[in-house]
Amino acid sequence: MTKLLILGANGQIAKLVIPMLANTDTQLNLTSLHARPEKSIKALDAVNEDALIKALTDIDIVYANIGAEGRQKSAANSIVNAMHHVGVKRLIWVATIGVHNELPNDKRSLWSNLLGTPDNENTYMGDQSAAVARIEQSALDYTIIRPNELIDDNIMQTLNVQTNRDEEIVGGPISRTSVAEFITQIILNPDSYVAESVAISEKLSK
């Protein structure tokens, strides 16, 4: 049995991953900044290293989808440190597309006006980028997942998967359902995409 710790279980994508794992050999430990006892979600602040160390007892895989605006770098640092301390190696981290400055030119200026730039840690994009850099510099078996622009349509798409972190993103917007399925498959196949930063988008027909 795989023991999985989910950080950010209240999030929209994590809420889709949880039922996808329901009939698998996976024991779920659900946490979020805000507890939801009726959903078996316990309170856990992802920047609290001591609390993380306790939560990581007997865990095999950590799936972090925390969306902590302005605290991504701090959360990543605490999670990496706690995982190193306990000896848990496998981390699946969901980031924002653009953290490697891989957006196409026609979107780069628009996104930078809205979210900032990867080189400025005082912006949303810069904080996300710094968090990813901290994870990539760690000794963890990480997978960074960078979904393209998200849509709420409840559809399963054919995906375009790019493992070159510096390659310009191609493909269309991606449904949260498709992202959740991609994450689920990595959890079930933890040897896949190790030490890679993966961009996913809808595969467009030619």
N, C-alpha and C. Protein backbone atom coordinates (compact mmCIF):
# COMPACT_ATOMS: atom_id res chain seq x y z
N MET A 1 0.83 -1.20 0.00
CA MET A 1 0.00 0.00 0.00
C MET A 1 0.87 1.25 0.00
N THR A 2 0.54 2.19 -0.89
CA THR A 2 1.23 3.47 -0.95
C THR A 2 0.55 4.45 -0.02
N LYS A 3 1.34 5.11 0.83
CA LYS A 3 0.80 6.11 1.74
C LYS A 3 1.11 7.49 1.18
N LEU A 4 0.05 8.22 0.87
CA LEU A 4 0.15 9.50 0.18
C LEU A 4 -0.28 10.64 1.09
N LEU A 5 0.56 11.67 1.20
CA LEU A 5 0.20 12.90 1.89
C LEU A 5 -0.15 13.95 0.86
N ILE A 6 -1.38 14.46 0.92
CA ILE A 6 -1.79 15.54 0.02
C ILE A 6 -1.77 16.85 0.78
N LEU A 7 -0.99 17.79 0.29
CA LEU A 7 -0.94 19.15 0.83
C LEU A 7 -1.79 20.04 -0.08
N GLY A 8 -2.87 20.56 0.45
CA GLY A 8 -3.77 21.38 -0.36
C GLY A 8 -4.97 20.58 -0.83
N ALA A 9 -5.49 19.70 0.04
CA ALA A 9 -6.58 18.82 -0.34
C ALA A 9 -7.89 19.55 -0.58
N ASN A 10 -7.98 20.82 -0.18
CA ASN A 10 -9.18 21.61 -0.44
C ASN A 10 -9.18 22.22 -1.84
N GLY A 11 -8.06 22.12 -2.55
CA GLY A 11 -7.95 22.74 -3.86
C GLY A 11 -8.77 22.04 -4.93
N GLN A 12 -9.08 22.76 -6.00
CA GLN A 12 -9.97 22.23 -7.04
C GLN A 12 -9.40 20.99 -7.72
N ILE A 13 -8.11 20.98 -8.00
CA ILE A 13 -7.52 19.81 -8.67
C ILE A 13 -7.39 18.65 -7.70
N ALA A 14 -6.94 18.92 -6.48
CA ALA A 14 -6.81 17.85 -5.49
C ALA A 14 -8.16 17.19 -5.22
N LYS A 15 -9.23 17.96 -5.23
CA LYS A 15 -10.56 17.40 -5.01
C LYS A 15 -10.95 16.42 -6.11
N LEU A 16 -10.34 16.56 -7.28
CA LEU A 16 -10.59 15.62 -8.37
C LEU A 16 -9.67 14.40 -8.27
N VAL A 17 -8.46 14.61 -7.78
CA VAL A 17 -7.52 13.50 -7.63
C VAL A 17 -8.01 12.50 -6.59
N ILE A 18 -8.55 13.00 -5.50
CA ILE A 18 -8.95 12.14 -4.37
C ILE A 18 -9.90 11.02 -4.80
N PRO A 19 -11.02 11.31 -5.50
CA PRO A 19 -11.88 10.20 -5.92
C PRO A 19 -11.26 9.30 -6.97
N MET A 20 -10.34 9.84 -7.78
CA MET A 20 -9.66 9.01 -8.78
C MET A 20 -8.80 7.94 -8.12
N LEU A 21 -8.36 8.19 -6.88
CA LEU A 21 -7.53 7.23 -6.16
C LEU A 21 -8.34 6.33 -5.24
N ALA A 22 -9.66 6.52 -5.22
CA ALA A 22 -10.50 5.86 -4.22
C ALA A 22 -10.44 4.34 -4.30
N ASN A 23 -10.35 3.77 -5.48
CA ASN A 23 -10.36 2.32 -5.63
C ASN A 23 -8.99 1.74 -5.93
N THR A 24 -7.96 2.46 -5.51
CA THR A 24 -6.59 1.99 -5.71
C THR A 24 -5.98 1.62 -4.36
N ASP A 25 -4.79 1.05 -4.42
CA ASP A 25 -4.10 0.63 -3.20
C ASP A 25 -3.31 1.81 -2.63
N THR A 26 -4.03 2.90 -2.35
CA THR A 26 -3.41 4.13 -1.87
C THR A 26 -4.13 4.61 -0.62
N GLN A 27 -3.37 4.81 0.44
CA GLN A 27 -3.93 5.36 1.67
C GLN A 27 -3.74 6.87 1.65
N LEU A 28 -4.84 7.61 1.76
CA LEU A 28 -4.81 9.06 1.63
C LEU A 28 -4.72 9.73 2.99
N ASN A 29 -3.80 10.67 3.10
CA ASN A 29 -3.69 11.55 4.27
C ASN A 29 -3.93 12.97 3.76
N LEU A 30 -5.10 13.50 4.04
CA LEU A 30 -5.55 14.76 3.45
C LEU A 30 -5.31 15.92 4.40
N THR A 31 -4.62 16.95 3.91
CA THR A 31 -4.35 18.14 4.73
C THR A 31 -4.55 19.39 3.90
N SER A 32 -4.79 20.48 4.60
CA SER A 32 -4.91 21.79 3.97
C SER A 32 -4.70 22.84 5.05
N LEU A 33 -4.56 24.09 4.62
CA LEU A 33 -4.41 25.16 5.60
C LEU A 33 -5.64 25.24 6.49
N HIS A 34 -6.79 24.95 5.92
CA HIS A 34 -8.04 24.98 6.67
C HIS A 34 -8.63 23.58 6.73
N ALA A 35 -8.91 23.11 7.93
CA ALA A 35 -9.44 21.77 8.13
C ALA A 35 -10.87 21.66 7.60
N ARG A 36 -11.22 20.47 7.13
CA ARG A 36 -12.58 20.12 6.74
C ARG A 36 -12.88 18.75 7.33
N PRO A 37 -13.21 18.68 8.61
CA PRO A 37 -13.41 17.38 9.27
C PRO A 37 -14.42 16.49 8.56
N GLU A 38 -15.45 17.09 7.96
CA GLU A 38 -16.47 16.30 7.28
C GLU A 38 -15.92 15.62 6.03
N LYS A 39 -14.77 16.13 5.53
CA LYS A 39 -14.10 15.54 4.37
C LYS A 39 -12.81 14.83 4.77
N SER A 40 -12.60 14.66 6.08
CA SER A 40 -11.39 14.01 6.62
C SER A 40 -10.12 14.77 6.27
N ILE A 41 -10.25 16.10 6.12
CA ILE A 41 -9.10 16.95 5.81
C ILE A 41 -8.63 17.63 7.09
N LYS A 42 -7.38 17.38 7.46
CA LYS A 42 -6.81 17.96 8.67
C LYS A 42 -6.11 19.27 8.36
N ALA A 43 -6.02 20.15 9.35
CA ALA A 43 -5.32 21.42 9.17
C ALA A 43 -3.82 21.21 9.22
N LEU A 44 -3.12 21.79 8.26
CA LEU A 44 -1.66 21.74 8.23
C LEU A 44 -1.14 22.91 7.42
N ASP A 45 -0.32 23.73 8.03
CA ASP A 45 0.29 24.87 7.35
C ASP A 45 1.58 24.38 6.69
N ALA A 46 1.65 24.47 5.38
CA ALA A 46 2.78 23.92 4.63
C ALA A 46 4.09 24.65 4.87
N VAL A 47 4.07 25.78 5.57
CA VAL A 47 5.33 26.45 5.89
C VAL A 47 5.81 26.08 7.29
N ASN A 48 5.04 25.28 8.00
CA ASN A 48 5.38 24.87 9.36
C ASN A 48 6.19 23.58 9.29
N GLU A 49 7.50 23.72 9.34
CA GLU A 49 8.40 22.57 9.13
C GLU A 49 8.21 21.49 10.20
N ASP A 50 8.04 21.88 11.45
CA ASP A 50 7.87 20.90 12.52
C ASP A 50 6.58 20.10 12.33
N ALA A 51 5.50 20.78 11.95
CA ALA A 51 4.23 20.09 11.71
C ALA A 51 4.33 19.16 10.51
N LEU A 52 5.07 19.58 9.50
CA LEU A 52 5.27 18.74 8.32
C LEU A 52 6.03 17.47 8.68
N ILE A 53 7.05 17.60 9.51
CA ILE A 53 7.84 16.43 9.92
C ILE A 53 6.93 15.39 10.58
N LYS A 54 6.03 15.85 11.44
CA LYS A 54 5.10 14.92 12.09
C LYS A 54 4.15 14.29 11.07
N ALA A 55 3.68 15.09 10.13
CA ALA A 55 2.72 14.59 9.13
C ALA A 55 3.35 13.60 8.16
N LEU A 56 4.67 13.65 8.02
CA LEU A 56 5.36 12.81 7.06
C LEU A 56 5.69 11.41 7.58
N THR A 57 5.34 11.11 8.81
CA THR A 57 5.62 9.80 9.39
C THR A 57 4.97 8.70 8.55
N ASP A 58 5.79 7.76 8.09
CA ASP A 58 5.32 6.59 7.31
C ASP A 58 4.75 6.94 5.94
N ILE A 59 5.03 8.14 5.44
CA ILE A 59 4.53 8.55 4.13
C ILE A 59 5.49 8.11 3.03
N ASP A 60 4.93 7.71 1.88
CA ASP A 60 5.74 7.31 0.72
C ASP A 60 5.86 8.41 -0.32
N ILE A 61 4.76 9.14 -0.55
CA ILE A 61 4.72 10.15 -1.61
C ILE A 61 4.03 11.40 -1.06
N VAL A 62 4.55 12.56 -1.42
CA VAL A 62 3.91 13.83 -1.10
C VAL A 62 3.43 14.46 -2.40
N TYR A 63 2.15 14.81 -2.43
CA TYR A 63 1.57 15.54 -3.55
C TYR A 63 1.17 16.92 -3.03
N ALA A 64 1.85 17.96 -3.53
CA ALA A 64 1.64 19.33 -3.04
C ALA A 64 0.98 20.16 -4.13
N ASN A 65 -0.21 20.65 -3.82
CA ASN A 65 -0.98 21.49 -4.74
C ASN A 65 -1.55 22.64 -3.92
N ILE A 66 -0.63 23.40 -3.30
CA ILE A 66 -1.04 24.27 -2.20
C ILE A 66 -1.49 25.66 -2.61
N GLY A 67 -1.01 26.20 -3.73
CA GLY A 67 -1.49 27.49 -4.18
C GLY A 67 -1.34 28.60 -3.15
N ALA A 68 -0.28 28.55 -2.38
CA ALA A 68 -0.08 29.54 -1.31
C ALA A 68 0.51 30.81 -1.89
N GLU A 69 -0.36 31.73 -2.26
CA GLU A 69 0.11 32.96 -2.91
C GLU A 69 1.02 33.74 -1.97
N GLY A 70 2.20 34.08 -2.49
CA GLY A 70 3.17 34.84 -1.69
C GLY A 70 3.98 34.00 -0.73
N ARG A 71 3.68 32.69 -0.67
CA ARG A 71 4.40 31.83 0.26
C ARG A 71 4.92 30.55 -0.41
N GLN A 72 4.94 30.53 -1.71
CA GLN A 72 5.36 29.32 -2.41
C GLN A 72 6.81 28.96 -2.09
N LYS A 73 7.70 29.93 -2.13
CA LYS A 73 9.10 29.65 -1.83
C LYS A 73 9.26 29.17 -0.40
N SER A 74 8.59 29.83 0.55
CA SER A 74 8.67 29.42 1.95
C SER A 74 8.12 28.01 2.14
N ALA A 75 6.99 27.73 1.50
CA ALA A 75 6.40 26.39 1.61
C ALA A 75 7.32 25.35 0.99
N ALA A 76 7.87 25.64 -0.17
CA ALA A 76 8.77 24.68 -0.81
C ALA A 76 9.99 24.41 0.06
N ASN A 77 10.54 25.45 0.66
CA ASN A 77 11.71 25.28 1.52
C ASN A 77 11.38 24.40 2.73
N SER A 78 10.22 24.64 3.35
CA SER A 78 9.82 23.85 4.52
C SER A 78 9.55 22.40 4.13
N ILE A 79 8.88 22.19 3.01
CA ILE A 79 8.56 20.84 2.56
C ILE A 79 9.83 20.07 2.23
N VAL A 80 10.74 20.69 1.49
CA VAL A 80 12.00 20.03 1.15
C VAL A 80 12.79 19.68 2.41
N ASN A 81 12.91 20.63 3.32
CA ASN A 81 13.66 20.39 4.56
C ASN A 81 13.03 19.25 5.37
N ALA A 82 11.70 19.27 5.49
CA ALA A 82 11.00 18.24 6.27
C ALA A 82 11.15 16.87 5.62
N MET A 83 11.04 16.82 4.31
CA MET A 83 11.17 15.54 3.61
C MET A 83 12.59 15.00 3.74
N HIS A 84 13.58 15.87 3.64
CA HIS A 84 14.97 15.44 3.85
C HIS A 84 15.15 14.91 5.27
N HIS A 85 14.57 15.61 6.22
CA HIS A 85 14.72 15.23 7.63
C HIS A 85 14.14 13.84 7.90
N VAL A 86 12.98 13.57 7.33
CA VAL A 86 12.29 12.30 7.59
C VAL A 86 12.79 11.19 6.68
N GLY A 87 13.30 11.56 5.51
CA GLY A 87 13.76 10.56 4.56
C GLY A 87 12.73 10.17 3.52
N VAL A 88 11.70 11.01 3.35
CA VAL A 88 10.73 10.79 2.28
C VAL A 88 11.29 11.43 1.01
N LYS A 89 11.29 10.68 -0.10
CA LYS A 89 11.98 11.16 -1.29
C LYS A 89 11.06 11.69 -2.40
N ARG A 90 9.86 11.11 -2.53
CA ARG A 90 9.04 11.37 -3.72
C ARG A 90 8.09 12.55 -3.51
N LEU A 91 8.26 13.57 -4.36
CA LEU A 91 7.44 14.78 -4.30
C LEU A 91 6.84 15.08 -5.66
N ILE A 92 5.54 15.31 -5.67
CA ILE A 92 4.84 15.80 -6.87
C ILE A 92 4.35 17.20 -6.56
N TRP A 93 4.83 18.18 -7.30
CA TRP A 93 4.57 19.60 -7.00
C TRP A 93 3.91 20.25 -8.21
N VAL A 94 2.78 20.89 -7.99
CA VAL A 94 2.06 21.57 -9.07
C VAL A 94 2.42 23.06 -9.04
N ALA A 95 2.92 23.54 -10.15
CA ALA A 95 3.37 24.93 -10.27
C ALA A 95 2.55 25.64 -11.35
N THR A 96 2.93 26.87 -11.63
CA THR A 96 2.27 27.67 -12.67
C THR A 96 3.08 27.62 -13.95
N ILE A 97 2.40 27.49 -15.07
CA ILE A 97 3.10 27.57 -16.34
C ILE A 97 3.77 28.95 -16.45
N GLY A 98 4.99 28.98 -16.93
CA GLY A 98 5.71 30.24 -17.06
C GLY A 98 6.84 30.40 -16.07
N VAL A 99 7.00 29.45 -15.13
CA VAL A 99 8.05 29.59 -14.11
C VAL A 99 9.45 29.48 -14.71
N HIS A 100 9.56 28.87 -15.89
CA HIS A 100 10.85 28.78 -16.57
C HIS A 100 10.94 29.78 -17.72
N ASN A 101 10.02 30.74 -17.74
CA ASN A 101 9.96 31.74 -18.81
C ASN A 101 9.69 31.07 -20.16
N GLU A 102 8.83 30.04 -20.13
CA GLU A 102 8.59 29.22 -21.33
C GLU A 102 7.29 29.57 -22.05
N LEU A 103 6.66 30.68 -21.66
CA LEU A 103 5.44 31.09 -22.34
C LEU A 103 5.74 31.60 -23.74
N PRO A 104 4.82 31.39 -24.69
CA PRO A 104 5.02 31.96 -26.03
C PRO A 104 5.02 33.48 -25.97
N ASN A 105 5.65 34.07 -26.95
CA ASN A 105 5.81 35.53 -26.95
C ASN A 105 4.49 36.27 -26.88
N ASP A 106 3.44 35.73 -27.53
CA ASP A 106 2.17 36.45 -27.56
C ASP A 106 1.47 36.44 -26.21
N LYS A 107 1.91 35.60 -25.28
CA LYS A 107 1.31 35.55 -23.95
C LYS A 107 2.23 36.09 -22.86
N ARG A 108 3.52 36.15 -23.16
CA ARG A 108 4.49 36.47 -22.11
C ARG A 108 4.26 37.84 -21.50
N SER A 109 4.04 38.85 -22.35
CA SER A 109 3.87 40.21 -21.82
C SER A 109 2.56 40.33 -21.05
N LEU A 110 1.50 39.68 -21.55
CA LEU A 110 0.21 39.72 -20.86
C LEU A 110 0.32 39.09 -19.48
N TRP A 111 0.92 37.90 -19.42
CA TRP A 111 1.04 37.19 -18.15
C TRP A 111 1.96 37.93 -17.18
N SER A 112 3.02 38.55 -17.72
CA SER A 112 3.93 39.28 -16.84
C SER A 112 3.25 40.50 -16.23
N ASN A 113 2.34 41.12 -16.98
CA ASN A 113 1.59 42.25 -16.43
C ASN A 113 0.64 41.79 -15.32
N LEU A 114 0.11 40.60 -15.45
CA LEU A 114 -0.84 40.08 -14.46
C LEU A 114 -0.15 39.42 -13.28
N LEU A 115 0.90 38.62 -13.56
CA LEU A 115 1.49 37.76 -12.54
C LEU A 115 2.94 38.09 -12.20
N GLY A 116 3.55 39.01 -12.94
CA GLY A 116 4.96 39.31 -12.71
C GLY A 116 5.87 38.41 -13.53
N THR A 117 7.15 38.46 -13.23
CA THR A 117 8.14 37.72 -14.01
C THR A 117 8.90 36.73 -13.12
N PRO A 118 9.44 35.65 -13.72
CA PRO A 118 10.13 34.63 -12.93
C PRO A 118 11.32 35.14 -12.15
N ASP A 119 11.92 36.25 -12.58
CA ASP A 119 13.13 36.74 -11.91
C ASP A 119 12.83 37.70 -10.76
N ASN A 120 11.56 37.96 -10.48
CA ASN A 120 11.19 38.88 -9.40
C ASN A 120 10.39 38.12 -8.35
N GLU A 121 11.04 37.74 -7.26
CA GLU A 121 10.40 36.92 -6.23
C GLU A 121 9.28 37.65 -5.49
N ASN A 122 9.18 38.95 -5.68
CA ASN A 122 8.11 39.71 -5.03
C ASN A 122 6.80 39.65 -5.81
N THR A 123 6.79 38.94 -6.94
CA THR A 123 5.58 38.76 -7.73
C THR A 123 5.11 37.31 -7.61
N TYR A 124 3.87 37.07 -8.02
CA TYR A 124 3.31 35.72 -7.96
C TYR A 124 4.17 34.75 -8.78
N MET A 125 4.51 35.13 -10.02
CA MET A 125 5.29 34.24 -10.88
C MET A 125 6.69 34.03 -10.33
N GLY A 126 7.27 35.10 -9.80
CA GLY A 126 8.62 34.98 -9.26
C GLY A 126 8.68 34.10 -8.03
N ASP A 127 7.65 34.19 -7.19
CA ASP A 127 7.57 33.33 -6.00
C ASP A 127 7.42 31.87 -6.41
N GLN A 128 6.57 31.62 -7.41
CA GLN A 128 6.40 30.27 -7.94
C GLN A 128 7.71 29.73 -8.51
N SER A 129 8.40 30.57 -9.25
CA SER A 129 9.66 30.17 -9.87
C SER A 129 10.72 29.86 -8.82
N ALA A 130 10.79 30.66 -7.78
CA ALA A 130 11.76 30.43 -6.71
C ALA A 130 11.47 29.11 -5.98
N ALA A 131 10.18 28.80 -5.80
CA ALA A 131 9.80 27.53 -5.17
C ALA A 131 10.26 26.36 -6.01
N VAL A 132 10.03 26.44 -7.31
CA VAL A 132 10.45 25.37 -8.22
C VAL A 132 11.96 25.21 -8.19
N ALA A 133 12.69 26.32 -8.19
CA ALA A 133 14.16 26.26 -8.14
C ALA A 133 14.63 25.56 -6.87
N ARG A 134 13.98 25.85 -5.75
CA ARG A 134 14.36 25.20 -4.48
C ARG A 134 14.17 23.69 -4.57
N ILE A 135 13.09 23.26 -5.16
CA ILE A 135 12.82 21.83 -5.30
C ILE A 135 13.82 21.18 -6.25
N GLU A 136 14.10 21.84 -7.36
CA GLU A 136 15.03 21.29 -8.34
C GLU A 136 16.45 21.17 -7.79
N GLN A 137 16.78 22.01 -6.83
CA GLN A 137 18.12 21.96 -6.22
C GLN A 137 18.21 20.97 -5.07
N SER A 138 17.10 20.34 -4.73
CA SER A 138 17.06 19.41 -3.61
C SER A 138 17.55 18.03 -4.04
N ALA A 139 17.61 17.13 -3.06
CA ALA A 139 17.98 15.74 -3.34
C ALA A 139 16.74 14.85 -3.47
N LEU A 140 15.57 15.46 -3.65
CA LEU A 140 14.32 14.70 -3.72
C LEU A 140 14.10 14.12 -5.12
N ASP A 141 13.28 13.09 -5.17
CA ASP A 141 12.79 12.56 -6.44
C ASP A 141 11.51 13.32 -6.77
N TYR A 142 11.68 14.47 -7.37
CA TYR A 142 10.55 15.37 -7.59
C TYR A 142 10.00 15.24 -9.01
N THR A 143 8.76 15.65 -9.16
CA THR A 143 8.17 15.96 -10.46
C THR A 143 7.47 17.30 -10.34
N ILE A 144 7.86 18.26 -11.15
CA ILE A 144 7.16 19.54 -11.24
C ILE A 144 6.15 19.43 -12.37
N ILE A 145 4.89 19.76 -12.09
CA ILE A 145 3.86 19.74 -13.12
C ILE A 145 3.41 21.16 -13.39
N ARG A 146 3.50 21.58 -14.66
CA ARG A 146 3.16 22.94 -15.05
C ARG A 146 1.99 22.89 -16.05
N PRO A 147 0.76 22.94 -15.55
CA PRO A 147 -0.38 22.92 -16.48
C PRO A 147 -0.51 24.23 -17.23
N ASN A 148 -0.91 24.12 -18.48
CA ASN A 148 -1.23 25.31 -19.26
C ASN A 148 -2.47 25.98 -18.65
N GLU A 149 -2.93 27.04 -19.26
CA GLU A 149 -4.12 27.75 -18.76
C GLU A 149 -5.23 26.75 -18.46
N LEU A 150 -5.83 26.87 -17.27
CA LEU A 150 -6.80 25.89 -16.80
C LEU A 150 -8.23 26.26 -17.19
N ILE A 151 -9.02 25.23 -17.50
CA ILE A 151 -10.44 25.41 -17.76
C ILE A 151 -11.22 24.43 -16.87
N ASP A 152 -12.47 24.74 -16.61
CA ASP A 152 -13.28 23.95 -15.68
C ASP A 152 -14.09 22.85 -16.35
N ASP A 153 -14.03 22.76 -17.69
CA ASP A 153 -14.83 21.76 -18.39
C ASP A 153 -14.50 20.36 -17.86
N ASN A 154 -15.52 19.58 -17.58
CA ASN A 154 -15.34 18.23 -17.06
C ASN A 154 -15.08 17.26 -18.21
N ILE A 155 -13.92 17.41 -18.83
CA ILE A 155 -13.57 16.58 -19.99
C ILE A 155 -12.16 16.03 -19.80
N MET A 156 -11.93 14.85 -20.39
CA MET A 156 -10.61 14.24 -20.38
C MET A 156 -10.01 14.46 -21.76
N GLN A 157 -8.92 15.19 -21.81
CA GLN A 157 -8.32 15.57 -23.08
C GLN A 157 -7.12 14.68 -23.41
N THR A 158 -6.77 14.67 -24.69
CA THR A 158 -5.49 14.10 -25.11
C THR A 158 -4.43 15.15 -24.82
N LEU A 159 -3.37 14.75 -24.13
CA LEU A 159 -2.41 15.73 -23.63
C LEU A 159 -1.16 15.84 -24.49
N ASN A 160 -0.64 17.04 -24.52
CA ASN A 160 0.71 17.30 -25.03
C ASN A 160 1.62 17.43 -23.81
N VAL A 161 2.61 16.56 -23.70
CA VAL A 161 3.50 16.52 -22.54
C VAL A 161 4.90 16.94 -22.98
N GLN A 162 5.42 17.99 -22.35
CA GLN A 162 6.74 18.51 -22.69
C GLN A 162 7.66 18.42 -21.48
N THR A 163 8.76 17.71 -21.62
CA THR A 163 9.67 17.50 -20.50
C THR A 163 10.92 18.37 -20.59
N ASN A 164 11.05 19.15 -21.66
CA ASN A 164 12.14 20.12 -21.76
C ASN A 164 11.69 21.40 -21.08
N ARG A 165 12.27 21.69 -19.93
CA ARG A 165 11.82 22.82 -19.11
C ARG A 165 11.95 24.16 -19.81
N ASP A 166 12.83 24.26 -20.79
CA ASP A 166 13.06 25.54 -21.47
C ASP A 166 12.29 25.65 -22.79
N GLU A 167 11.58 24.59 -23.17
CA GLU A 167 10.86 24.60 -24.44
C GLU A 167 9.58 25.43 -24.32
N GLU A 168 9.34 26.26 -25.31
CA GLU A 168 8.13 27.08 -25.32
C GLU A 168 6.90 26.19 -25.27
N ILE A 169 5.95 26.54 -24.41
CA ILE A 169 4.75 25.74 -24.24
C ILE A 169 3.93 25.74 -25.53
N VAL A 170 3.47 24.56 -25.92
CA VAL A 170 2.58 24.44 -27.07
C VAL A 170 1.30 23.74 -26.59
N GLY A 171 0.28 23.78 -27.41
CA GLY A 171 -0.97 23.15 -27.03
C GLY A 171 -1.95 24.15 -26.47
N GLY A 172 -3.15 23.65 -26.17
CA GLY A 172 -4.23 24.51 -25.73
C GLY A 172 -4.49 24.46 -24.24
N PRO A 173 -5.46 25.23 -23.77
CA PRO A 173 -5.85 25.19 -22.36
C PRO A 173 -6.21 23.78 -21.94
N ILE A 174 -6.02 23.48 -20.67
CA ILE A 174 -6.19 22.13 -20.18
C ILE A 174 -7.23 22.10 -19.07
N SER A 175 -8.06 21.08 -19.07
CA SER A 175 -9.09 20.96 -18.04
C SER A 175 -8.48 20.48 -16.74
N ARG A 176 -9.06 20.92 -15.64
CA ARG A 176 -8.60 20.45 -14.33
C ARG A 176 -8.76 18.93 -14.20
N THR A 177 -9.77 18.39 -14.86
CA THR A 177 -9.97 16.93 -14.84
C THR A 177 -8.78 16.23 -15.49
N SER A 178 -8.28 16.77 -16.60
CA SER A 178 -7.13 16.17 -17.28
C SER A 178 -5.87 16.28 -16.43
N VAL A 179 -5.70 17.42 -15.76
CA VAL A 179 -4.54 17.59 -14.87
C VAL A 179 -4.61 16.58 -13.73
N ALA A 180 -5.81 16.43 -13.15
CA ALA A 180 -5.98 15.49 -12.04
C ALA A 180 -5.66 14.06 -12.46
N GLU A 181 -6.08 13.68 -13.65
CA GLU A 181 -5.79 12.32 -14.14
C GLU A 181 -4.29 12.14 -14.35
N PHE A 182 -3.60 13.16 -14.86
CA PHE A 182 -2.15 13.09 -15.06
C PHE A 182 -1.44 12.91 -13.72
N ILE A 183 -1.86 13.67 -12.72
CA ILE A 183 -1.28 13.55 -11.38
C ILE A 183 -1.55 12.16 -10.81
N THR A 184 -2.77 11.70 -10.96
CA THR A 184 -3.14 10.38 -10.45
C THR A 184 -2.26 9.29 -11.02
N GLN A 185 -1.99 9.37 -12.32
CA GLN A 185 -1.16 8.35 -12.96
C GLN A 185 0.28 8.38 -12.45
N ILE A 186 0.79 9.56 -12.12
CA ILE A 186 2.13 9.63 -11.54
C ILE A 186 2.15 9.03 -10.15
N ILE A 187 1.11 9.30 -9.36
CA ILE A 187 1.02 8.72 -8.02
C ILE A 187 1.00 7.19 -8.11
N LEU A 188 0.26 6.67 -9.08
CA LEU A 188 0.16 5.23 -9.25
C LEU A 188 1.39 4.62 -9.91
N ASN A 189 2.16 5.46 -10.59
CA ASN A 189 3.39 5.01 -11.27
C ASN A 189 4.52 5.96 -10.86
N PRO A 190 4.97 5.87 -9.62
CA PRO A 190 5.87 6.89 -9.06
C PRO A 190 7.27 6.94 -9.68
N ASP A 191 7.61 5.98 -10.52
CA ASP A 191 8.90 6.04 -11.20
C ASP A 191 8.85 6.89 -12.46
N SER A 192 7.69 7.41 -12.80
CA SER A 192 7.55 8.22 -14.01
C SER A 192 7.87 9.68 -13.74
N TYR A 193 8.52 10.31 -14.70
CA TYR A 193 8.82 11.75 -14.69
C TYR A 193 9.63 12.19 -13.47
N VAL A 194 10.51 11.35 -13.00
CA VAL A 194 11.35 11.71 -11.84
C VAL A 194 12.41 12.71 -12.29
N ALA A 195 12.61 13.74 -11.46
CA ALA A 195 13.59 14.80 -11.72
C ALA A 195 13.31 15.54 -13.02
N GLU A 196 12.01 15.73 -13.30
CA GLU A 196 11.61 16.45 -14.50
C GLU A 196 10.59 17.53 -14.17
N SER A 197 10.65 18.60 -14.94
CA SER A 197 9.64 19.65 -14.87
C SER A 197 8.80 19.52 -16.15
N VAL A 198 7.55 19.16 -15.98
CA VAL A 198 6.71 18.73 -17.08
C VAL A 198 5.61 19.75 -17.35
N ALA A 199 5.55 20.24 -18.58
CA ALA A 199 4.44 21.11 -19.01
C ALA A 199 3.39 20.25 -19.68
N ILE A 200 2.13 20.45 -19.30
CA ILE A 200 1.04 19.69 -19.93
C ILE A 200 -0.01 20.66 -20.47
N SER A 201 -0.53 20.31 -21.63
CA SER A 201 -1.54 21.12 -22.29
C SER A 201 -2.39 20.21 -23.16
N GLU A 202 -3.48 20.75 -23.67
CA GLU A 202 -4.29 19.94 -24.59
C GLU A 202 -3.55 19.79 -25.92
N LYS A 203 -3.51 18.58 -26.42
CA LYS A 203 -2.88 18.32 -27.71
C LYS A 203 -3.83 18.78 -28.81
N LEU A 204 -3.39 19.73 -29.62
CA LEU A 204 -4.23 20.29 -30.66
C LEU A 204 -4.09 19.50 -31.94
N SER A 205 -5.20 19.29 -32.62
CA SER A 205 -5.16 18.58 -33.90
C SER A 205 -4.49 19.45 -34.94
N LYS A 206 -3.77 18.81 -35.85
CA LYS A 206 -3.05 19.56 -36.88
C LYS A 206 -3.99 19.90 -38.03
